[in-house]
Amino acid sequence: MCILHIYAQCYNKFFEVSPDEPDLAELIVEDAVCRVLLDLFGVGTVEDVSIEFPPKLRMGLRYCAIQIVAQCACQRFSQLPRTQEHIKMAIEKNLTSLLRELFGVVSVESVIVGPAWLEDRTERMQTSCIYNDAGSSPRSQRGLSSPVSDFGSDPLY
């Protein structure tokens, strides 16, 4: 079990999501993160997405900062080698591609992969990433759940 902390910054003259509706923007990013987790790990849980849209423009461009906390089963990483560095690069590449469609210029500043047991185990709202009944496209399922219950007792890596 791994916990992911992702921080990204985005700049563009216009965004495809409205800064006036940050909750909707967070749900859209949450769905994008689910797609990345499903593609790379086959399973995952998005614990938190936070987007800040400062009111001031920078050099005529809109700006936003995105923070993401998610869990995945690192041992299920679909690519080789299954190293922490390769996992980070794959997450950054895939997430940048999806976020670029919504926000324009995207810079994933950091992807931190660590063991989930270091995180606080309090229950909180999470989104589990699962495939729909047809098995072809992901869907999100929101609910209050324990992080351990989403993955069972898989080893760390």
C-alpha atoms as a PDB file:
ATOM      1  CA  MET A   1       0.000   0.000   0.000  1.00  0.00           C
ATOM      2  CA  CYS A   2       1.332   3.417  -0.971  1.00  0.00           C
ATOM      3  CA  ILE A   3       0.168   6.923  -0.279  1.00  0.00           C
ATOM      4  CA  LEU A   4       0.648   9.540  -2.988  1.00  0.00           C
ATOM      5  CA  HIS A   5       1.049  13.270  -2.403  1.00  0.00           C
ATOM      6  CA  ILE A   6       0.944  15.211  -5.658  1.00  0.00           C
ATOM      7  CA  TYR A   7       1.375  18.954  -6.099  1.00  0.00           C
ATOM      8  CA  ALA A   8       0.829  20.698  -9.446  1.00  0.00           C
ATOM      9  CA  GLN A   9       0.624  24.257 -10.724  1.00  0.00           C
ATOM     10  CA  CYS A  10      -1.263  25.364 -13.809  1.00  0.00           C
ATOM     11  CA  TYR A  11      -1.202  28.533 -15.931  1.00  0.00           C
ATOM     12  CA  ASN A  12      -3.335  29.556 -18.887  1.00  0.00           C
ATOM     13  CA  LYS A  13      -5.315  32.472 -20.232  1.00  0.00           C
ATOM     14  CA  PHE A  14      -8.499  30.400 -19.889  1.00  0.00           C
ATOM     15  CA  PHE A  15      -9.285  27.171 -18.004  1.00  0.00           C
ATOM     16  CA  GLU A  16     -11.834  24.575 -19.102  1.00  0.00           C
ATOM     17  CA  VAL A  17     -13.092  24.537 -15.506  1.00  0.00           C
ATOM     18  CA  SER A  18     -14.468  27.595 -13.770  1.00  0.00           C
ATOM     19  CA  PRO A  19     -12.586  29.118 -10.832  1.00  0.00           C
ATOM     20  CA  ASP A  20     -16.046  30.185  -9.636  1.00  0.00           C
ATOM     21  CA  GLU A  21     -16.948  26.519  -9.090  1.00  0.00           C
ATOM     22  CA  PRO A  22     -13.995  25.009  -7.203  1.00  0.00           C
ATOM     23  CA  ASP A  23     -16.011  21.994  -5.982  1.00  0.00           C
ATOM     24  CA  LEU A  24     -16.823  20.989  -9.561  1.00  0.00           C
ATOM     25  CA  ALA A  25     -13.193  21.517 -10.594  1.00  0.00           C
ATOM     26  CA  GLU A  26     -12.065  19.264  -7.730  1.00  0.00           C
ATOM     27  CA  LEU A  27     -14.496  16.515  -8.802  1.00  0.00           C
ATOM     28  CA  ILE A  28     -13.205  16.704 -12.374  1.00  0.00           C
ATOM     29  CA  VAL A  29      -9.586  16.446 -11.196  1.00  0.00           C
ATOM     30  CA  GLU A  30     -10.586  13.603  -8.871  1.00  0.00           C
ATOM     31  CA  ASP A  31     -11.949  11.719 -11.887  1.00  0.00           C
ATOM     32  CA  ALA A  32      -8.698  12.355 -13.793  1.00  0.00           C
ATOM     33  CA  VAL A  33      -6.654  10.999 -10.866  1.00  0.00           C
ATOM     34  CA  CYS A  34      -8.896   7.914 -10.759  1.00  0.00           C
ATOM     35  CA  ARG A  35      -8.201   7.313 -14.445  1.00  0.00           C
ATOM     36  CA  VAL A  36      -4.450   7.525 -13.833  1.00  0.00           C
ATOM     37  CA  LEU A  37      -4.619   5.162 -10.841  1.00  0.00           C
ATOM     38  CA  LEU A  38      -6.715   2.656 -12.777  1.00  0.00           C
ATOM     39  CA  ASP A  39      -4.398   2.762 -15.797  1.00  0.00           C
ATOM     40  CA  LEU A  40      -1.245   2.335 -13.726  1.00  0.00           C
ATOM     41  CA  PHE A  41      -2.377   0.178 -10.776  1.00  0.00           C
ATOM     42  CA  GLY A  42      -5.801  -1.248 -11.654  1.00  0.00           C
ATOM     43  CA  VAL A  43      -7.161   0.151  -8.375  1.00  0.00           C
ATOM     44  CA  GLY A  44      -6.815   3.176  -6.130  1.00  0.00           C
ATOM     45  CA  THR A  45      -8.449   5.609  -3.751  1.00  0.00           C
ATOM     46  CA  VAL A  46      -8.498   9.387  -4.021  1.00  0.00           C
ATOM     47  CA  GLU A  47      -8.544  10.789  -0.500  1.00  0.00           C
ATOM     48  CA  ASP A  48      -8.407  14.506  -1.197  1.00  0.00           C
ATOM     49  CA  VAL A  49      -8.206  17.001  -4.034  1.00  0.00           C
ATOM     50  CA  SER A  50      -7.723  20.661  -3.225  1.00  0.00           C
ATOM     51  CA  ILE A  51      -7.545  23.408  -5.844  1.00  0.00           C
ATOM     52  CA  GLU A  52      -6.753  27.039  -5.108  1.00  0.00           C
ATOM     53  CA  PHE A  53      -7.591  29.711  -7.664  1.00  0.00           C
ATOM     54  CA  PRO A  54      -5.954  32.973  -6.530  1.00  0.00           C
ATOM     55  CA  PRO A  55      -8.020  35.973  -7.644  1.00  0.00           C
ATOM     56  CA  LYS A  56      -5.087  37.866  -9.176  1.00  0.00           C
ATOM     57  CA  LEU A  57      -3.847  37.098 -12.658  1.00  0.00           C
ATOM     58  CA  ARG A  58      -0.105  36.622 -13.177  1.00  0.00           C
ATOM     59  CA  MET A  59       1.141  38.319 -16.330  1.00  0.00           C
ATOM     60  CA  GLY A  60      -2.380  38.119 -17.766  1.00  0.00           C
ATOM     61  CA  LEU A  61      -2.654  34.381 -17.059  1.00  0.00           C
ATOM     62  CA  ARG A  62      -4.906  32.514 -14.671  1.00  0.00           C
ATOM     63  CA  TYR A  63      -3.116  30.396 -12.103  1.00  0.00           C
ATOM     64  CA  CYS A  64      -4.141  27.490  -9.890  1.00  0.00           C
ATOM     65  CA  ALA A  65      -2.442  25.175  -7.428  1.00  0.00           C
ATOM     66  CA  ILE A  66      -3.599  21.565  -7.099  1.00  0.00           C
ATOM     67  CA  GLN A  67      -2.867  19.246  -4.181  1.00  0.00           C
ATOM     68  CA  ILE A  68      -3.844  15.577  -4.361  1.00  0.00           C
ATOM     69  CA  VAL A  69      -3.679  12.789  -1.796  1.00  0.00           C
ATOM     70  CA  ALA A  70      -4.397   9.272  -3.036  1.00  0.00           C
ATOM     71  CA  GLN A  71      -3.638   5.643  -2.260  1.00  0.00           C
ATOM     72  CA  CYS A  72      -2.591   2.879  -4.607  1.00  0.00           C
ATOM     73  CA  ALA A  73      -1.195  -0.617  -4.492  1.00  0.00           C
ATOM     74  CA  CYS A  74       2.410  -0.062  -5.628  1.00  0.00           C
ATOM     75  CA  GLN A  75       2.972  -3.789  -6.052  1.00  0.00           C
ATOM     76  CA  ARG A  76       0.283  -3.725  -8.781  1.00  0.00           C
ATOM     77  CA  PHE A  77       2.123  -1.128 -10.880  1.00  0.00           C
ATOM     78  CA  SER A  78       1.504  -2.163 -14.489  1.00  0.00           C
ATOM     79  CA  GLN A  79       4.904  -1.131 -15.873  1.00  0.00           C
ATOM     80  CA  LEU A  80       8.420  -2.380 -15.377  1.00  0.00           C
ATOM     81  CA  PRO A  81      10.594  -1.710 -13.510  1.00  0.00           C
ATOM     82  CA  ARG A  82       8.470  -1.348 -10.384  1.00  0.00           C
ATOM     83  CA  THR A  83      10.773   1.194  -8.803  1.00  0.00           C
ATOM     84  CA  GLN A  84       9.606   4.214  -6.845  1.00  0.00           C
ATOM     85  CA  GLU A  85      11.236   6.559  -9.375  1.00  0.00           C
ATOM     86  CA  HIS A  86       9.498   4.888 -12.332  1.00  0.00           C
ATOM     87  CA  ILE A  87       6.159   5.011 -10.483  1.00  0.00           C
ATOM     88  CA  LYS A  88       6.626   8.757  -9.855  1.00  0.00           C
ATOM     89  CA  MET A  89       7.525   9.442 -13.489  1.00  0.00           C
ATOM     90  CA  ALA A  90       4.541   7.455 -14.807  1.00  0.00           C
ATOM     91  CA  ILE A  91       2.102   9.239 -12.477  1.00  0.00           C
ATOM     92  CA  GLU A  92       3.532  12.633 -13.444  1.00  0.00           C
ATOM     93  CA  LYS A  93       3.394  11.885 -17.176  1.00  0.00           C
ATOM     94  CA  ASN A  94      -0.152  10.499 -17.167  1.00  0.00           C
ATOM     95  CA  LEU A  95      -1.585  13.129 -14.824  1.00  0.00           C
ATOM     96  CA  THR A  96       0.067  15.996 -16.716  1.00  0.00           C
ATOM     97  CA  SER A  97      -1.520  14.767 -19.930  1.00  0.00           C
ATOM     98  CA  LEU A  98      -5.032  14.780 -18.436  1.00  0.00           C
ATOM     99  CA  LEU A  99      -4.657  18.045 -16.512  1.00  0.00           C
ATOM    100  CA  ARG A 100      -3.325  19.820 -19.610  1.00  0.00           C
ATOM    101  CA  GLU A 101      -6.739  19.366 -21.258  1.00  0.00           C
ATOM    102  CA  LEU A 102      -8.399  21.200 -18.349  1.00  0.00           C
ATOM    103  CA  PHE A 103      -5.830  23.799 -17.336  1.00  0.00           C
ATOM    104  CA  GLY A 104      -3.404  24.380 -20.204  1.00  0.00           C
ATOM    105  CA  VAL A 105       0.212  24.609 -19.049  1.00  0.00           C
ATOM    106  CA  VAL A 106       0.749  22.123 -16.212  1.00  0.00           C
ATOM    107  CA  SER A 107       3.778  21.667 -14.022  1.00  0.00           C
ATOM    108  CA  VAL A 108       3.683  18.697 -11.667  1.00  0.00           C
ATOM    109  CA  GLU A 109       6.023  20.044  -9.011  1.00  0.00           C
ATOM    110  CA  SER A 110       6.229  16.901  -6.895  1.00  0.00           C
ATOM    111  CA  VAL A 111       5.012  13.336  -6.629  1.00  0.00           C
ATOM    112  CA  ILE A 112       5.792  11.769  -3.277  1.00  0.00           C
ATOM    113  CA  VAL A 113       5.262   8.027  -2.894  1.00  0.00           C
ATOM    114  CA  GLY A 114       5.399   6.600   0.602  1.00  0.00           C
ATOM    115  CA  PRO A 115       4.061   3.723   2.654  1.00  0.00           C
ATOM    116  CA  ALA A 116       0.413   4.229   3.616  1.00  0.00           C
ATOM    117  CA  TRP A 117       0.941   3.066   7.190  1.00  0.00           C
ATOM    118  CA  LEU A 118       2.713   6.347   7.934  1.00  0.00           C
ATOM    119  CA  GLU A 119      -0.507   8.281   7.312  1.00  0.00           C
ATOM    120  CA  ASP A 120      -3.158   9.149   9.863  1.00  0.00           C
ATOM    121  CA  ARG A 121      -5.796   6.410   9.947  1.00  0.00           C
ATOM    122  CA  THR A 122      -8.829   8.575  10.717  1.00  0.00           C
ATOM    123  CA  GLU A 123     -11.828   7.983   8.515  1.00  0.00           C
ATOM    124  CA  ARG A 124     -12.581  10.654   5.936  1.00  0.00           C
ATOM    125  CA  MET A 125     -14.420  11.125   2.671  1.00  0.00           C
ATOM    126  CA  GLN A 126     -12.713   9.160  -0.089  1.00  0.00           C
ATOM    127  CA  THR A 127     -13.331   8.244  -3.683  1.00  0.00           C
ATOM    128  CA  SER A 128     -12.581   4.680  -4.711  1.00  0.00           C
ATOM    129  CA  CYS A 129     -11.604   4.205  -8.326  1.00  0.00           C
ATOM    130  CA  ILE A 130     -13.372   1.220  -9.874  1.00  0.00           C
ATOM    131  CA  TYR A 131     -14.352   0.028 -13.335  1.00  0.00           C
ATOM    132  CA  ASN A 132     -17.980   0.232 -14.344  1.00  0.00           C
ATOM    133  CA  ASP A 133     -20.040  -2.876 -15.060  1.00  0.00           C
ATOM    134  CA  ALA A 134     -18.861  -2.986 -18.668  1.00  0.00           C
ATOM    135  CA  GLY A 135     -15.270  -3.060 -17.420  1.00  0.00           C
ATOM    136  CA  SER A 136     -14.073  -0.485 -19.906  1.00  0.00           C
ATOM    137  CA  SER A 137     -14.220   2.942 -18.329  1.00  0.00           C
ATOM    138  CA  PRO A 138     -13.621   4.069 -14.773  1.00  0.00           C
ATOM    139  CA  ARG A 139     -16.155   5.631 -12.473  1.00  0.00           C
ATOM    140  CA  SER A 140     -15.811   7.162  -9.060  1.00  0.00           C
ATOM    141  CA  GLN A 141     -17.658   5.964  -6.011  1.00  0.00           C
ATOM    142  CA  ARG A 142     -17.747   8.388  -3.081  1.00  0.00           C
ATOM    143  CA  GLY A 143     -18.202   7.231   0.454  1.00  0.00           C
ATOM    144  CA  LEU A 144     -16.868   7.147   3.962  1.00  0.00           C
ATOM    145  CA  SER A 145     -14.513   4.237   4.271  1.00  0.00           C
ATOM    146  CA  SER A 146     -11.402   3.065   5.970  1.00  0.00           C
ATOM    147  CA  PRO A 147      -8.321   3.207   3.705  1.00  0.00           C
ATOM    148  CA  VAL A 148      -7.370  -0.357   4.660  1.00  0.00           C
ATOM    149  CA  SER A 149     -10.750  -1.768   3.621  1.00  0.00           C
ATOM    150  CA  ASP A 150     -10.271  -0.567   0.040  1.00  0.00           C
ATOM    151  CA  PHE A 151      -7.182  -2.705  -0.535  1.00  0.00           C
ATOM    152  CA  GLY A 152      -7.218  -5.552   1.937  1.00  0.00           C
ATOM    153  CA  SER A 153      -3.872  -6.648   3.300  1.00  0.00           C
ATOM    154  CA  ASP A 154      -1.566  -6.236   0.282  1.00  0.00           C
ATOM    155  CA  PRO A 155       2.113  -5.842   1.119  1.00  0.00           C
ATOM    156  CA  LEU A 156       3.684  -2.400   0.798  1.00  0.00           C
ATOM    157  CA  TYR A 157       5.512  -2.939  -2.510  1.00  0.00           C
END
